[in-house]
Amino acid sequence: MYITKNEYPFREHISCFENRKYVFIIAVNNKIKTMITFKFNKQKSIEAVLYLISKSGRNSYDLYKIVKMIFEADKYHLNRYMRPVTGDHFVSMKNGIVPSKIYDLCKNEDPKAPFFKKSPRLVRANRLADGDYLSDSDKEALDWAFEQLDPLTFGQICEKNHAENPAWGRNYIEDSSKRIPFDQLIDDPELIKELKDISHRMVI
């Protein structure tokens, strides 16, 4: 891509050809290269949502609780097993941290989909989860998240999400959905360092 020399913030980290006032970037700068990123697993994410709905004992469940449980399960699994359950990325919104792509999936209104938004706050499942897509540790994380949040109200979950996750406040901008760096969700500095090198190659 082409940008002006002054627009690029990490000029010392790139290799480039110069053409008048423009720079043609041919190598990724070190800071971008070492970001923690995971490959989103859509099918596994669908099964994770269906798994949570089935745990409620009903065929419909609260959309807000689902997305917050996915976040808690991913964070739990990431810190204990070095990878998230779904591979989704998280954004900071008014009512807390949300898994971006799974939130979009839950807002789908197609009644033929594995699950769909039945009403503003309810997601309805059309089938049970296929457990073959979820490992034992995935289910452990989802079970833990369900137990933590299922008994709570909307307000209690929102307050808990804000209070326990400083990354929310660091990244929240009113009327926006700013992406949260994974390293702000990981407790162990050594794990952060290792994941910066290998996360983009991991299979979720």
Protein backbone atom coordinates (compact mmCIF):
# COMPACT_ATOMS: atom_id res chain seq x y z
CA MET A 1 0.00 0.00 0.00
CA TYR A 2 1.03 3.62 -0.44
CA ILE A 3 1.06 6.20 2.34
CA THR A 4 3.00 9.39 2.94
CA LYS A 5 6.23 8.99 4.87
CA ASN A 6 4.98 11.14 7.70
CA GLU A 7 1.75 9.12 8.06
CA TYR A 8 3.54 5.86 8.90
CA PRO A 9 4.23 5.71 12.67
CA PHE A 10 6.92 2.98 12.77
CA ARG A 11 9.27 3.93 9.96
CA GLU A 12 12.25 2.44 11.73
CA HIS A 13 10.58 -1.00 11.56
CA ILE A 14 9.96 -1.21 7.80
CA SER A 15 11.77 -1.99 4.61
CA CYS A 16 10.61 0.21 1.74
CA PHE A 17 11.19 1.75 -1.63
CA GLU A 18 10.99 5.54 -1.72
CA ASN A 19 9.17 7.26 -4.56
CA ARG A 20 9.15 11.03 -4.09
CA LYS A 21 7.07 11.74 -0.98
CA TYR A 22 5.48 8.25 -0.82
CA VAL A 23 6.60 5.01 0.78
CA PHE A 24 5.82 1.56 -0.63
CA ILE A 25 5.79 -0.90 2.26
CA ILE A 26 7.19 -4.33 1.47
CA ALA A 27 7.74 -5.68 4.97
CA VAL A 28 5.44 -5.76 7.96
CA ASN A 29 6.65 -3.66 10.89
CA ASN A 30 7.64 -5.47 14.05
CA LYS A 31 4.84 -4.06 16.17
CA ILE A 32 2.09 -5.32 13.86
CA LYS A 33 3.86 -8.63 13.34
CA THR A 34 3.87 -9.34 17.07
CA MET A 35 0.20 -8.59 17.79
CA ILE A 36 -1.75 -11.47 19.30
CA THR A 37 -4.33 -12.61 16.75
CA PHE A 38 -6.32 -15.82 16.43
CA LYS A 39 -8.20 -17.35 13.50
CA PHE A 40 -11.94 -17.22 14.13
CA ASN A 41 -13.57 -20.65 14.04
CA LYS A 42 -17.15 -19.98 12.93
CA GLN A 43 -18.46 -23.54 13.22
CA LYS A 44 -17.01 -24.01 16.68
CA SER A 45 -18.48 -20.65 17.71
CA ILE A 46 -21.92 -21.74 16.51
CA GLU A 47 -21.64 -24.93 18.57
CA ALA A 48 -20.50 -22.94 21.61
CA VAL A 49 -23.59 -20.72 21.42
CA LEU A 50 -25.86 -23.76 21.00
CA TYR A 51 -24.10 -25.43 23.95
CA LEU A 52 -24.87 -22.45 26.20
CA ILE A 53 -28.50 -22.29 25.08
CA SER A 54 -28.93 -26.02 25.82
CA LYS A 55 -27.49 -25.55 29.32
CA SER A 56 -30.34 -23.18 30.09
CA GLY A 57 -32.79 -26.08 29.71
CA ARG A 58 -34.79 -24.12 27.15
CA ASN A 59 -34.59 -23.60 23.39
CA SER A 60 -34.26 -19.82 23.77
CA TYR A 61 -31.80 -17.85 25.88
CA ASP A 62 -30.79 -14.29 26.66
CA LEU A 63 -28.60 -12.77 23.91
CA TYR A 64 -26.75 -10.54 26.37
CA LYS A 65 -25.87 -13.47 28.62
CA ILE A 66 -24.70 -15.54 25.64
CA VAL A 67 -22.18 -13.00 24.38
CA LYS A 68 -20.91 -12.24 27.88
CA MET A 69 -20.53 -15.97 28.60
CA ILE A 70 -18.57 -16.44 25.38
CA PHE A 71 -16.25 -13.63 26.43
CA GLU A 72 -15.74 -15.10 29.90
CA ALA A 73 -15.19 -18.60 28.49
CA ASP A 74 -12.65 -17.37 25.94
CA LYS A 75 -10.79 -15.35 28.57
CA TYR A 76 -10.82 -18.29 31.00
CA HIS A 77 -9.55 -20.72 28.37
CA LEU A 78 -6.95 -18.31 27.01
CA ASN A 79 -5.34 -17.80 30.41
CA ARG A 80 -5.39 -21.48 31.38
CA TYR A 81 -4.86 -23.32 28.09
CA MET A 82 -3.07 -20.75 25.93
CA ARG A 83 -5.87 -20.33 23.38
CA PRO A 84 -9.47 -19.07 23.38
CA VAL A 85 -12.46 -21.29 22.67
CA THR A 86 -13.70 -19.45 19.58
CA GLY A 87 -10.91 -17.28 18.18
CA ASP A 88 -13.24 -14.28 17.97
CA HIS A 89 -11.90 -10.79 18.72
CA PHE A 90 -13.43 -8.55 21.36
CA VAL A 91 -14.70 -4.99 21.27
CA SER A 92 -15.47 -2.50 24.01
CA MET A 93 -19.11 -1.35 23.93
CA LYS A 94 -21.36 0.59 26.29
CA ASN A 95 -22.57 -2.46 28.22
CA GLY A 96 -19.23 -4.26 28.35
CA ILE A 97 -16.89 -6.40 26.31
CA VAL A 98 -18.44 -8.32 23.40
CA PRO A 99 -17.17 -11.01 20.98
CA SER A 100 -17.63 -9.15 17.71
CA LYS A 101 -18.42 -11.87 15.16
CA ILE A 102 -20.45 -14.01 17.55
CA TYR A 103 -22.52 -10.96 18.47
CA ASP A 104 -23.29 -10.52 14.78
CA LEU A 105 -24.21 -14.21 14.48
CA CYS A 106 -26.61 -13.88 17.41
CA LYS A 107 -28.35 -10.93 15.73
CA ASN A 108 -29.13 -13.01 12.65
CA GLU A 109 -32.89 -13.29 12.09
CA ASP A 110 -32.93 -16.19 9.61
CA PRO A 111 -35.23 -18.83 11.19
CA LYS A 112 -33.46 -21.57 9.22
CA ALA A 113 -30.07 -20.85 10.79
CA PRO A 114 -28.73 -23.05 13.65
CA PHE A 115 -29.89 -20.23 15.94
CA PHE A 116 -31.49 -16.85 15.33
CA LYS A 117 -32.65 -13.74 17.14
CA LYS A 118 -36.28 -14.40 18.07
CA SER A 119 -36.80 -11.06 19.82
CA PRO A 120 -34.58 -8.13 20.87
CA ARG A 121 -33.14 -10.10 23.80
CA LEU A 122 -33.78 -13.77 22.94
CA VAL A 123 -31.77 -16.16 20.75
CA ARG A 124 -33.57 -19.34 19.73
CA ALA A 125 -31.81 -22.61 18.88
CA ASN A 126 -32.98 -24.87 16.08
CA ARG A 127 -30.89 -27.84 17.18
CA LEU A 128 -28.60 -29.10 19.91
CA ALA A 129 -24.87 -28.43 19.86
CA ASP A 130 -22.56 -30.88 18.11
CA GLY A 131 -20.22 -31.67 20.97
CA ASP A 132 -17.57 -33.11 18.65
CA TYR A 133 -16.49 -29.55 17.82
CA LEU A 134 -15.82 -28.73 21.50
CA SER A 135 -12.94 -30.17 23.49
CA ASP A 136 -13.24 -31.10 27.15
CA SER A 137 -11.44 -27.91 28.11
CA ASP A 138 -13.75 -25.86 25.85
CA LYS A 139 -16.75 -27.31 27.68
CA GLU A 140 -15.05 -26.67 31.02
CA ALA A 141 -14.66 -22.99 30.13
CA LEU A 142 -18.23 -22.67 28.84
CA ASP A 143 -19.61 -24.45 31.92
CA TRP A 144 -17.64 -22.10 34.19
CA ALA A 145 -18.90 -19.01 32.36
CA PHE A 146 -22.50 -20.26 32.49
CA GLU A 147 -22.29 -20.91 36.22
CA GLN A 148 -20.84 -17.45 36.83
CA LEU A 149 -23.36 -15.43 34.84
CA ASP A 150 -26.62 -17.37 34.51
CA PRO A 151 -27.95 -16.37 37.96
CA LEU A 152 -27.19 -12.65 37.40
CA THR A 153 -29.35 -9.86 36.04
CA PHE A 154 -28.43 -7.65 33.07
CA GLY A 155 -27.27 -4.89 35.40
CA GLN A 156 -25.21 -7.24 37.57
CA ILE A 157 -23.48 -8.76 34.53
CA CYS A 158 -22.73 -5.32 33.12
CA GLU A 159 -21.28 -4.13 36.43
CA LYS A 160 -19.21 -7.31 36.83
CA ASN A 161 -17.86 -7.08 33.28
CA HIS A 162 -16.78 -3.47 33.77
CA ALA A 163 -15.30 -3.99 37.24
CA GLU A 164 -13.30 -7.15 36.48
CA ASN A 165 -11.92 -6.07 33.10
CA PRO A 166 -9.85 -2.87 33.04
CA ALA A 167 -9.49 -3.43 29.27
CA TRP A 168 -13.09 -2.30 28.89
CA GLY A 169 -12.41 1.17 30.29
CA ARG A 170 -9.10 1.53 28.47
CA ASN A 171 -10.76 0.96 25.11
CA TYR A 172 -14.29 2.27 25.49
CA ILE A 173 -15.24 5.21 23.30
CA GLU A 174 -18.86 6.36 23.36
CA ASP A 175 -20.95 5.18 20.41
CA SER A 176 -18.13 2.98 19.11
CA SER A 177 -16.88 -0.60 19.26
CA LYS A 178 -13.12 -0.39 19.63
CA ARG A 179 -11.16 -3.62 19.31
CA ILE A 180 -9.44 -4.79 22.50
CA PRO A 181 -5.88 -6.16 22.24
CA PHE A 182 -5.68 -9.71 23.55
CA ASP A 183 -2.65 -8.88 25.69
CA GLN A 184 -4.95 -6.73 27.87
CA LEU A 185 -6.96 -9.87 28.71
CA ILE A 186 -4.03 -12.10 29.66
CA ASP A 187 -2.59 -12.23 33.19
CA ASP A 188 0.82 -13.83 32.56
CA PRO A 189 3.46 -11.64 30.83
CA GLU A 190 5.32 -14.73 29.65
CA LEU A 191 2.17 -16.07 27.99
CA ILE A 192 1.70 -12.74 26.23
CA LYS A 193 5.25 -12.89 24.92
CA GLU A 194 4.85 -16.45 23.63
CA LEU A 195 1.47 -15.84 21.99
CA LYS A 196 2.79 -12.83 20.10
CA ASP A 197 5.03 -15.26 18.24
CA ILE A 198 2.65 -18.18 17.64
CA SER A 199 -1.01 -17.13 17.99
CA HIS A 200 -1.54 -16.38 14.28
CA ARG A 201 -0.49 -19.96 13.43
CA MET A 202 -2.68 -21.70 16.01
CA VAL A 203 -5.70 -23.82 15.06
CA ILE A 204 -8.71 -22.98 17.23
